[in-house]
N, C-alpha and C. Protein backbone atom coordinates (compact mmCIF):
# COMPACT_ATOMS: atom_id res chain seq x y z
N GLU A 1 1.91 -1.50 -24.47
CA GLU A 1 2.55 -0.88 -23.07
C GLU A 1 1.33 0.10 -22.62
N ILE A 2 1.30 -0.26 -21.65
CA ILE A 2 0.06 0.76 -20.55
C ILE A 2 0.63 1.98 -20.44
N ASP A 3 -0.12 2.94 -20.41
CA ASP A 3 0.26 4.33 -20.16
C ASP A 3 0.29 4.41 -18.57
N MET A 4 1.31 5.10 -18.30
CA MET A 4 1.47 5.28 -16.69
C MET A 4 1.44 6.75 -16.01
N LYS A 5 0.96 7.02 -15.04
CA LYS A 5 1.20 8.13 -14.78
C LYS A 5 2.50 8.71 -14.40
N ASP A 6 3.01 9.95 -14.36
CA ASP A 6 4.62 10.38 -13.96
C ASP A 6 4.32 10.38 -12.54
N LEU A 7 5.37 9.21 -12.18
CA LEU A 7 6.06 9.63 -10.89
C LEU A 7 6.42 10.79 -10.07
N ASN A 8 7.27 11.23 -10.85
CA ASN A 8 8.22 12.41 -10.23
C ASN A 8 7.12 13.46 -10.17
N LYS A 9 6.14 13.78 -10.94
CA LYS A 9 5.11 14.91 -11.07
C LYS A 9 4.23 14.46 -9.38
N LEU A 10 3.80 13.30 -9.63
CA LEU A 10 2.95 13.13 -8.16
C LEU A 10 3.46 13.15 -7.13
N LEU A 11 5.10 12.65 -7.41
CA LEU A 11 5.99 13.26 -5.76
C LEU A 11 6.17 14.76 -5.64
N ALA A 12 6.03 15.50 -6.69
CA ALA A 12 6.04 16.77 -6.63
C ALA A 12 5.00 17.28 -6.11
N GLU A 13 3.82 17.04 -6.39
CA GLU A 13 2.52 17.45 -5.93
C GLU A 13 2.13 17.12 -4.22
N VAL A 14 2.73 15.80 -3.97
CA VAL A 14 2.63 15.28 -2.49
C VAL A 14 3.46 16.04 -1.74
N LEU A 15 4.88 16.49 -2.23
CA LEU A 15 5.57 17.21 -1.31
C LEU A 15 5.34 18.50 -1.15
N GLU A 16 4.77 19.26 -2.27
CA GLU A 16 4.14 20.43 -2.29
C GLU A 16 2.86 20.56 -0.78
N ASP A 17 2.25 19.58 -0.60
CA ASP A 17 1.40 19.31 0.37
C ASP A 17 2.31 19.26 2.02
N PHE A 18 3.14 18.33 1.79
CA PHE A 18 4.10 18.10 2.77
C PHE A 18 4.58 19.77 3.16
N ASP A 19 5.35 20.51 2.38
CA ASP A 19 5.70 21.95 2.47
C ASP A 19 4.72 22.94 3.12
N ALA A 20 3.32 22.81 2.62
CA ALA A 20 2.69 23.56 2.99
C ALA A 20 2.23 23.39 4.48
N LEU A 21 2.54 22.54 5.02
CA LEU A 21 2.08 21.95 6.42
C LEU A 21 3.58 22.14 7.31
N ASP A 22 4.61 22.30 6.43
CA ASP A 22 6.01 22.70 7.23
C ASP A 22 6.25 21.27 7.80
N ILE A 23 6.36 20.32 7.02
CA ILE A 23 6.60 18.95 7.36
C ILE A 23 8.08 18.45 6.94
N LYS A 24 8.81 18.25 7.85
CA LYS A 24 10.39 18.19 7.18
C LYS A 24 10.56 16.68 6.84
N TYR A 25 10.48 16.57 5.74
CA TYR A 25 10.87 15.13 5.08
C TYR A 25 12.33 15.07 4.95
N GLY A 26 12.44 13.50 4.72
CA GLY A 26 14.17 13.74 4.34
C GLY A 26 14.62 13.37 3.27
N ASN A 27 15.52 13.45 2.84
CA ASN A 27 16.28 13.36 0.96
C ASN A 27 15.77 12.43 0.19
N ILE A 28 14.54 12.66 -0.55
CA ILE A 28 14.47 11.87 -1.36
C ILE A 28 14.99 11.78 -2.67
N VAL A 29 16.12 10.67 -2.89
CA VAL A 29 16.92 10.16 -4.13
C VAL A 29 16.32 10.05 -5.19
N GLU A 30 15.16 8.88 -5.03
CA GLU A 30 14.68 8.69 -6.06
C GLU A 30 13.38 8.06 -5.91
N ILE A 31 12.42 7.85 -6.91
CA ILE A 31 11.03 7.18 -6.66
C ILE A 31 10.94 6.59 -7.96
N THR A 32 10.79 5.27 -8.30
CA THR A 32 10.36 4.45 -9.04
C THR A 32 8.94 3.66 -9.09
N PRO A 33 8.89 2.88 -10.22
CA PRO A 33 7.85 2.07 -10.35
C PRO A 33 8.26 0.84 -10.10
N ASN A 34 7.74 0.15 -9.45
CA ASN A 34 7.60 -1.54 -8.91
C ASN A 34 6.56 -2.36 -9.84
N SER A 35 7.35 -2.69 -10.75
CA SER A 35 6.09 -3.96 -11.53
C SER A 35 6.11 -5.47 -10.93
N ARG A 36 7.09 -5.62 -9.88
CA ARG A 36 7.29 -6.97 -9.10
C ARG A 36 6.59 -7.16 -7.81
N ALA A 37 6.34 -5.97 -7.39
CA ALA A 37 5.58 -6.02 -5.83
C ALA A 37 4.09 -7.24 -5.86
N GLN A 38 4.22 -7.76 -5.27
CA GLN A 38 2.68 -8.65 -5.04
C GLN A 38 2.01 -8.33 -4.02
N SER A 39 2.56 -7.97 -2.87
CA SER A 39 2.10 -7.60 -1.38
C SER A 39 1.91 -6.14 -1.13
N ARG A 40 2.61 -5.33 -1.58
CA ARG A 40 2.72 -4.06 -1.21
C ARG A 40 2.36 -3.00 -2.32
N TRP A 41 1.90 -1.97 -1.70
CA TRP A 41 1.76 -0.91 -2.62
C TRP A 41 2.98 -0.04 -2.63
N GLY A 42 3.53 0.01 -1.62
CA GLY A 42 4.92 1.20 -2.03
C GLY A 42 5.98 0.57 -0.85
N GLN A 43 7.21 0.93 -1.19
CA GLN A 43 8.26 0.95 -0.14
C GLN A 43 9.15 2.07 -0.04
N CYS A 44 9.27 2.14 1.32
CA CYS A 44 10.77 2.95 1.63
C CYS A 44 11.72 2.37 1.88
N ARG A 45 12.81 2.73 1.46
CA ARG A 45 14.29 2.32 1.79
C ARG A 45 15.16 3.28 2.00
N LYS A 46 15.99 3.50 3.38
CA LYS A 46 17.01 4.41 3.55
C LYS A 46 18.40 3.62 3.29
N LYS A 47 19.08 4.72 2.33
CA LYS A 47 20.44 4.70 2.46
C LYS A 47 21.39 5.40 2.70
N PRO A 48 22.47 5.35 2.89
CA PRO A 48 23.52 6.21 3.43
C PRO A 48 23.23 7.70 2.78
N ASN A 49 23.08 7.85 1.33
CA ASN A 49 22.56 9.08 0.88
C ASN A 49 21.42 9.46 0.50
N GLY A 50 20.13 8.72 1.52
CA GLY A 50 19.15 9.27 1.41
C GLY A 50 17.69 8.07 1.30
N TYR A 51 16.54 8.40 0.63
CA TYR A 51 15.67 7.49 0.48
C TYR A 51 15.25 7.10 -0.80
N TYR A 52 15.02 5.71 -1.22
CA TYR A 52 14.81 5.28 -2.17
C TYR A 52 12.92 5.12 -1.89
N ILE A 53 12.02 5.42 -2.66
CA ILE A 53 11.04 4.93 -2.63
C ILE A 53 10.41 4.30 -4.03
N ASN A 54 9.75 3.21 -3.72
CA ASN A 54 8.99 2.50 -5.28
C ASN A 54 7.63 2.63 -4.84
N ILE A 55 6.91 2.52 -5.98
CA ILE A 55 5.46 2.44 -6.16
C ILE A 55 5.03 1.38 -6.96
N ASN A 56 4.11 0.42 -6.59
CA ASN A 56 3.55 -0.48 -7.57
C ASN A 56 2.80 0.08 -8.56
N THR A 57 3.21 -0.57 -9.66
CA THR A 57 2.68 -0.09 -11.11
C THR A 57 1.37 -0.15 -11.17
N ALA A 58 0.43 -1.21 -10.40
CA ALA A 58 -0.67 -1.35 -10.37
C ALA A 58 -1.64 0.12 -9.88
N LEU A 59 -0.86 0.90 -9.27
CA LEU A 59 -1.53 2.05 -9.01
C LEU A 59 -1.37 3.51 -9.97
N LEU A 60 -0.42 2.89 -10.86
CA LEU A 60 0.09 4.11 -11.81
C LEU A 60 -0.52 4.15 -13.26
N ALA A 61 -1.51 3.02 -13.43
CA ALA A 61 -2.31 2.78 -14.69
C ALA A 61 -3.19 4.47 -14.85
N ASP A 62 -2.87 5.20 -16.30
CA ASP A 62 -3.76 6.45 -16.42
C ASP A 62 -5.34 6.75 -15.97
N ASN A 63 -5.74 5.18 -16.35
CA ASN A 63 -7.26 4.86 -16.28
C ASN A 63 -7.43 5.05 -14.69
N LEU A 64 -6.62 5.23 -13.72
CA LEU A 64 -7.11 5.34 -12.38
C LEU A 64 -6.95 6.81 -11.69
N SER A 65 -7.70 6.96 -10.66
CA SER A 65 -7.65 8.36 -9.83
C SER A 65 -5.94 8.48 -9.58
N ASP A 66 -5.82 9.71 -9.38
CA ASP A 66 -4.04 10.21 -8.94
C ASP A 66 -4.46 9.81 -7.63
N GLN A 67 -5.48 9.50 -6.65
CA GLN A 67 -5.68 9.56 -5.43
C GLN A 67 -4.78 8.38 -4.54
N GLY A 68 -5.30 7.31 -5.21
CA GLY A 68 -4.69 6.14 -4.55
C GLY A 68 -2.91 6.35 -4.64
N ALA A 69 -2.40 6.55 -5.91
CA ALA A 69 -0.86 6.64 -6.21
C ALA A 69 -0.15 8.12 -5.02
N LYS A 70 -1.18 8.81 -4.81
CA LYS A 70 -0.64 9.90 -4.15
C LYS A 70 -0.63 9.71 -2.44
N GLU A 71 -1.70 8.94 -2.04
CA GLU A 71 -1.69 8.50 -0.68
C GLU A 71 -0.39 7.42 -0.43
N THR A 72 -0.23 6.65 -1.49
CA THR A 72 0.44 5.68 -1.12
C THR A 72 1.96 6.50 -1.17
N ILE A 73 2.31 7.69 -2.02
CA ILE A 73 3.54 8.14 -2.11
C ILE A 73 3.71 8.92 -0.66
N ALA A 74 2.54 9.88 -0.27
CA ALA A 74 2.61 10.24 1.07
C ALA A 74 2.84 9.30 2.23
N HIS A 75 2.39 8.04 2.11
CA HIS A 75 2.65 7.16 3.32
C HIS A 75 4.04 6.73 3.30
N GLU A 76 4.64 6.58 2.24
CA GLU A 76 6.03 6.44 2.03
C GLU A 76 7.02 7.82 2.45
N VAL A 77 6.50 8.58 1.91
CA VAL A 77 7.35 10.03 2.35
C VAL A 77 7.43 10.03 3.87
N CYS A 78 6.38 10.06 4.60
CA CYS A 78 6.05 10.06 5.91
C CYS A 78 7.45 9.45 6.65
N HIS A 79 7.81 8.11 5.89
CA HIS A 79 8.66 7.06 6.72
C HIS A 79 10.32 7.90 6.77
N THR A 80 9.98 8.92 5.70
CA THR A 80 11.39 9.70 5.81
C THR A 80 11.55 10.72 6.44
N ILE A 81 10.52 11.01 7.55
CA ILE A 81 10.54 11.74 8.61
C ILE A 81 11.10 11.31 9.69
N LYS A 82 12.23 11.99 10.03
CA LYS A 82 13.00 11.60 11.14
C LYS A 82 12.00 11.01 12.48
N GLY A 83 12.49 9.67 12.93
CA GLY A 83 11.69 8.69 13.67
C GLY A 83 10.64 8.11 13.43
N CYS A 84 10.07 8.16 11.79
CA CYS A 84 8.86 7.56 11.31
C CYS A 84 9.12 6.48 10.27
N MET A 85 10.22 5.48 10.66
CA MET A 85 10.33 4.60 9.37
C MET A 85 9.50 3.24 10.07
N ASN A 86 8.81 3.26 11.07
CA ASN A 86 7.92 2.54 11.60
C ASN A 86 6.40 2.99 11.32
N HIS A 87 5.41 2.48 11.92
CA HIS A 87 4.15 3.08 11.72
C HIS A 87 3.94 3.32 13.14
N GLY A 88 4.60 3.97 14.02
CA GLY A 88 4.39 4.21 15.31
C GLY A 88 3.67 5.61 15.41
N ASP A 89 3.45 5.92 16.59
CA ASP A 89 2.63 7.25 16.79
C ASP A 89 2.99 8.70 16.16
N LYS A 90 4.16 8.67 15.60
CA LYS A 90 4.83 9.54 15.42
C LYS A 90 4.53 9.79 13.73
N TRP A 91 4.64 8.49 13.22
CA TRP A 91 4.07 8.45 11.68
C TRP A 91 2.55 8.68 11.71
N LYS A 92 1.61 8.03 12.30
CA LYS A 92 0.43 8.31 12.34
C LYS A 92 0.21 9.80 12.44
N HIS A 93 1.12 10.38 13.51
CA HIS A 93 0.56 11.72 13.48
C HIS A 93 0.80 12.73 12.27
N TYR A 94 1.72 12.19 11.53
CA TYR A 94 1.93 13.08 10.53
C TYR A 94 1.05 12.73 9.34
N ALA A 95 0.71 11.38 8.97
CA ALA A 95 -0.22 10.82 8.38
C ALA A 95 -1.62 11.59 8.45
N LYS A 96 -2.21 11.57 9.69
CA LYS A 96 -3.20 12.32 9.95
C LYS A 96 -3.20 13.95 9.72
N LEU A 97 -2.26 14.62 9.77
CA LEU A 97 -1.98 16.02 9.35
C LEU A 97 -2.47 16.02 7.69
N LEU A 98 -2.15 15.22 6.88
CA LEU A 98 -2.05 15.51 5.92
C LEU A 98 -3.35 15.09 5.02
N SER A 99 -4.47 14.67 6.03
CA SER A 99 -5.90 14.46 5.89
C SER A 99 -6.28 15.77 5.42
N VAL A 100 -5.99 16.98 5.65
CA VAL A 100 -6.53 18.25 5.35
C VAL A 100 -6.26 18.35 3.68
N PHE A 101 -5.48 17.83 3.03
CA PHE A 101 -5.72 17.53 1.49
C PHE A 101 -6.35 16.55 0.89
N GLY A 102 -6.88 15.94 1.79
CA GLY A 102 -7.76 14.77 1.46
C GLY A 102 -7.12 13.10 1.31
N TYR A 103 -5.97 13.33 1.95
CA TYR A 103 -5.17 11.92 2.06
C TYR A 103 -6.23 10.99 2.80
N ASN A 104 -6.18 9.69 2.77
CA ASN A 104 -6.32 8.85 4.05
C ASN A 104 -5.60 7.79 4.08
N ILE A 105 -4.32 8.14 4.59
CA ILE A 105 -3.05 7.43 4.87
C ILE A 105 -3.49 6.46 5.87
N LYS A 106 -3.48 5.20 5.27
CA LYS A 106 -3.16 3.96 6.37
C LYS A 106 -2.09 3.02 6.37
N ARG A 107 -1.91 2.24 7.61
CA ARG A 107 -0.91 1.33 7.42
C ARG A 107 -0.98 0.23 6.27
N THR A 108 -2.27 -0.21 6.10
CA THR A 108 -2.57 -1.12 4.89
C THR A 108 -3.62 -0.70 4.14
N ASN A 109 -4.14 -0.97 3.13
CA ASN A 109 -5.25 -0.69 2.16
C ASN A 109 -5.30 -1.62 1.12
N SER A 110 -6.90 -1.77 0.91
CA SER A 110 -7.07 -2.73 -0.10
C SER A 110 -7.00 -2.27 -1.50
N ALA A 111 -7.20 -3.24 -2.59
CA ALA A 111 -6.90 -2.51 -3.56
C ALA A 111 -8.76 -1.60 -4.06
N ALA A 112 -9.39 -1.85 -3.22
CA ALA A 112 -10.72 -1.11 -3.41
C ALA A 112 -10.55 0.35 -3.01
N ASP A 113 -9.75 0.55 -1.88
CA ASP A 113 -9.12 1.68 -1.00
C ASP A 113 -8.38 2.46 -1.93
N LYS A 114 -7.49 1.76 -3.00
CA LYS A 114 -6.61 2.36 -3.99
C LYS A 114 -7.48 2.81 -5.19
N GLY A 115 -8.84 2.54 -5.59
CA GLY A 115 -9.63 2.86 -6.70
C GLY A 115 -9.61 1.55 -7.60
N ILE A 116 -8.92 0.28 -7.29
CA ILE A 116 -8.82 -0.54 -8.18
C ILE A 116 -9.97 -1.35 -7.79
N SER A 117 -10.42 -2.15 -8.84
CA SER A 117 -11.66 -2.96 -8.56
C SER A 117 -11.17 -4.07 -8.39
N THR A 118 -11.86 -5.04 -7.67
CA THR A 118 -11.40 -6.60 -7.36
C THR A 118 -11.02 -7.45 -8.82
N GLU A 119 -11.89 -7.16 -9.37
CA GLU A 119 -11.81 -7.82 -10.90
C GLU A 119 -10.53 -7.71 -11.56
N GLN A 120 -10.58 -5.92 -11.80
CA GLN A 120 -9.15 -5.67 -12.20
C GLN A 120 -7.72 -6.19 -11.29
N HIS A 121 -7.78 -6.17 -10.43
CA HIS A 121 -6.85 -6.81 -9.36
C HIS A 121 -6.49 -8.34 -9.69
N ILE A 122 -7.70 -9.01 -9.14
CA ILE A 122 -7.44 -10.21 -9.73
C ILE A 122 -6.77 -10.79 -10.98
N ALA A 123 -7.43 -9.93 -12.38
CA ALA A 123 -7.07 -10.01 -13.73
C ALA A 123 -5.48 -10.00 -13.79
N ASN A 124 -4.88 -8.70 -13.16
CA ASN A 124 -3.57 -8.49 -13.39
C ASN A 124 -2.39 -9.05 -12.85
N LYS A 125 -2.85 -9.96 -11.96
CA LYS A 125 -1.82 -10.72 -11.04
C LYS A 125 -1.89 -12.22 -11.34
N ASN A 126 -3.23 -12.83 -11.95
CA ASN A 126 -3.22 -14.06 -12.21
C ASN A 126 -3.14 -15.17 -10.71
N TYR A 127 -4.33 -14.17 -9.80
CA TYR A 127 -4.52 -15.12 -8.60
C TYR A 127 -5.19 -16.40 -8.44
N LYS A 128 -4.93 -17.14 -8.13
CA LYS A 128 -5.50 -18.38 -7.62
C LYS A 128 -6.14 -18.78 -6.49
N TYR A 129 -6.01 -17.89 -5.44
CA TYR A 129 -6.60 -17.80 -4.13
C TYR A 129 -7.08 -16.55 -3.37
N GLU A 130 -8.21 -16.44 -2.84
CA GLU A 130 -8.56 -15.05 -2.26
C GLU A 130 -8.84 -15.70 -0.68
N VAL A 131 -7.99 -14.82 0.31
CA VAL A 131 -8.65 -15.15 1.72
C VAL A 131 -9.21 -13.95 2.22
N ARG A 132 -10.52 -14.36 2.75
CA ARG A 132 -11.49 -12.76 2.94
C ARG A 132 -11.62 -13.20 4.46
N CYS A 133 -11.99 -11.98 5.11
CA CYS A 133 -12.20 -11.96 6.41
C CYS A 133 -13.59 -11.96 6.48
N GLU A 134 -14.12 -12.94 7.21
CA GLU A 134 -15.71 -13.09 7.28
C GLU A 134 -16.33 -11.73 8.14
N LYS A 135 -15.38 -11.20 9.11
CA LYS A 135 -15.98 -10.14 9.90
C LYS A 135 -16.00 -8.78 9.01
N CYS A 136 -14.98 -8.19 8.11
CA CYS A 136 -15.06 -7.02 7.65
C CYS A 136 -15.18 -7.30 6.29
N GLY A 137 -14.68 -8.42 5.78
CA GLY A 137 -15.01 -8.48 4.30
C GLY A 137 -13.80 -8.30 3.58
N THR A 138 -12.38 -7.61 4.18
CA THR A 138 -11.70 -7.43 3.58
C THR A 138 -10.68 -8.78 2.98
N SER A 139 -10.18 -8.54 1.54
CA SER A 139 -9.62 -9.54 0.97
C SER A 139 -8.31 -9.48 0.96
N SER A 140 -7.48 -10.67 0.68
CA SER A 140 -6.04 -10.54 0.18
C SER A 140 -5.86 -11.79 -0.64
N PHE A 141 -5.13 -11.58 -1.92
CA PHE A 141 -5.09 -12.61 -2.96
C PHE A 141 -3.84 -13.22 -3.17
N TYR A 142 -3.56 -14.72 -3.40
CA TYR A 142 -2.48 -15.10 -3.61
C TYR A 142 -2.41 -16.02 -4.92
N GLN A 143 -1.24 -15.87 -5.37
CA GLN A 143 -1.18 -16.63 -6.59
C GLN A 143 -0.69 -18.16 -6.59
N LYS A 144 -0.06 -18.40 -5.49
CA LYS A 144 0.21 -19.97 -5.18
C LYS A 144 -0.18 -20.41 -3.60
N LYS A 145 -0.17 -21.89 -3.88
CA LYS A 145 -0.86 -22.41 -2.27
C LYS A 145 0.72 -22.46 -1.37
N GLY A 146 0.76 -21.28 -0.80
CA GLY A 146 2.10 -21.18 0.02
C GLY A 146 1.70 -21.43 1.53
N LYS A 147 2.44 -21.40 2.55
CA LYS A 147 2.16 -21.33 3.92
C LYS A 147 0.79 -20.94 4.60
N VAL A 148 0.49 -19.66 4.21
CA VAL A 148 -0.50 -18.89 4.52
C VAL A 148 -2.08 -19.82 4.09
N ILE A 149 -1.97 -20.25 2.95
CA ILE A 149 -3.05 -20.88 2.33
C ILE A 149 -3.32 -22.40 2.91
N THR A 150 -1.85 -22.98 2.92
CA THR A 150 -1.84 -24.47 3.72
C THR A 150 -2.12 -24.29 4.83
N THR A 151 -1.84 -23.31 5.75
CA THR A 151 -2.18 -23.44 7.18
C THR A 151 -3.53 -23.06 7.41
N LEU A 152 -4.27 -22.15 6.63
CA LEU A 152 -5.57 -22.04 7.11
C LEU A 152 -6.47 -22.66 6.42
N THR A 153 -6.13 -23.67 5.51
CA THR A 153 -7.02 -24.79 5.18
C THR A 153 -7.03 -26.27 5.74
N THR A 154 -5.90 -26.15 6.53
CA THR A 154 -5.50 -27.51 7.32
C THR A 154 -5.66 -27.29 9.15
N GLN A 155 -5.40 -25.99 9.54
CA GLN A 155 -5.59 -25.75 10.83
C GLN A 155 -6.73 -24.92 11.60
N LYS A 156 -7.05 -25.72 12.33
CA LYS A 156 -8.38 -24.85 12.89
C LYS A 156 -8.07 -23.39 13.82
N TYR A 157 -7.11 -23.63 14.34
CA TYR A 157 -6.31 -22.45 15.29
C TYR A 157 -5.03 -22.02 14.77
N HIS A 158 -5.27 -21.04 13.45
CA HIS A 158 -4.02 -20.79 12.48
C HIS A 158 -3.35 -19.79 12.77
N GLY A 159 -3.67 -18.55 13.90
CA GLY A 159 -3.05 -17.47 14.36
C GLY A 159 -3.08 -16.46 13.56
N TYR A 160 -3.39 -16.62 12.17
CA TYR A 160 -3.36 -15.51 11.04
C TYR A 160 -4.67 -14.48 11.52
N ARG A 161 -4.49 -13.60 11.05
CA ARG A 161 -5.92 -12.38 11.75
C ARG A 161 -5.64 -11.41 10.42
N CYS A 162 -6.98 -10.79 10.28
CA CYS A 162 -7.16 -9.81 9.14
C CYS A 162 -6.19 -8.55 9.83
N GLY A 163 -5.39 -7.91 8.63
CA GLY A 163 -4.49 -6.78 8.77
C GLY A 163 -5.68 -5.35 8.62
N LYS A 164 -6.96 -5.61 8.54
CA LYS A 164 -7.70 -4.22 8.88
C LYS A 164 -8.70 -4.49 10.18
N CYS A 165 -8.90 -5.56 10.36
CA CYS A 165 -9.82 -5.32 11.58
C CYS A 165 -9.31 -6.33 12.83
N GLY A 166 -8.33 -7.52 12.55
CA GLY A 166 -7.65 -8.34 13.41
C GLY A 166 -8.65 -9.63 13.72
N SER A 167 -9.53 -9.55 13.05
CA SER A 167 -10.21 -11.00 13.45
C SER A 167 -9.42 -12.07 12.76
N HIS A 168 -9.76 -13.32 13.43
CA HIS A 168 -9.02 -14.89 12.97
C HIS A 168 -10.10 -15.19 12.06
N GLN A 169 -11.31 -14.74 11.91
CA GLN A 169 -12.22 -15.52 10.96
C GLN A 169 -11.65 -15.43 9.42
N LEU A 170 -11.02 -15.86 8.94
CA LEU A 170 -10.59 -15.96 7.44
C LEU A 170 -10.92 -16.64 7.02
N LYS A 171 -11.21 -17.00 5.61
CA LYS A 171 -12.20 -18.33 4.84
C LYS A 171 -10.83 -18.20 3.14
N VAL A 172 -10.76 -19.21 3.04
CA VAL A 172 -9.93 -19.33 1.92
C VAL A 172 -11.00 -19.64 0.79
N ILE A 173 -10.77 -19.07 -0.86
CA ILE A 173 -11.67 -19.30 -1.68
C ILE A 173 -10.55 -19.44 -2.72
N GLU A 174 -11.18 -20.31 -3.35
CA GLU A 174 -10.10 -20.97 -4.48
C GLU A 174 -10.58 -20.24 -5.81
N LEU A 175 -9.88 -19.54 -6.59
CA LEU A 175 -10.65 -19.02 -7.75
C LEU A 175 -10.27 -19.61 -9.13
């Protein structure tokens, strides 16, 4: 079994930064690792008793910097602020405030943004397809030939776009 970072310790460190800026976040009931997540680094769910956060285990390997995990935790904690369950202007305001602590909190991140090499990421997930933006170089990876891959390979005007730059110039690469 791979040694993993202590999620509760990382959460406590992130919450210290929120407290230092006097940012009022919601009641976080639990933070847990998520080994099943395929397409997200974290998730925040609101329930009647508070917020439940899960973080992709890919960010929690001991051989990675804490930064990627802490940025993801901070991203999810921002969602617990009143009026911030989406990625609107208020959420962006708080995400930007946290940059004083070295956080680079964005709506979407690549594995490279999180300190995970593309090779590590592909090996961990057994991906078969890469969709690469020909404009900015951002890649997304897929394990099976679902709707996205089929549509991109069969339709000239597919409607899909890069999550980072918005370009429609997407190329499918079979791995």
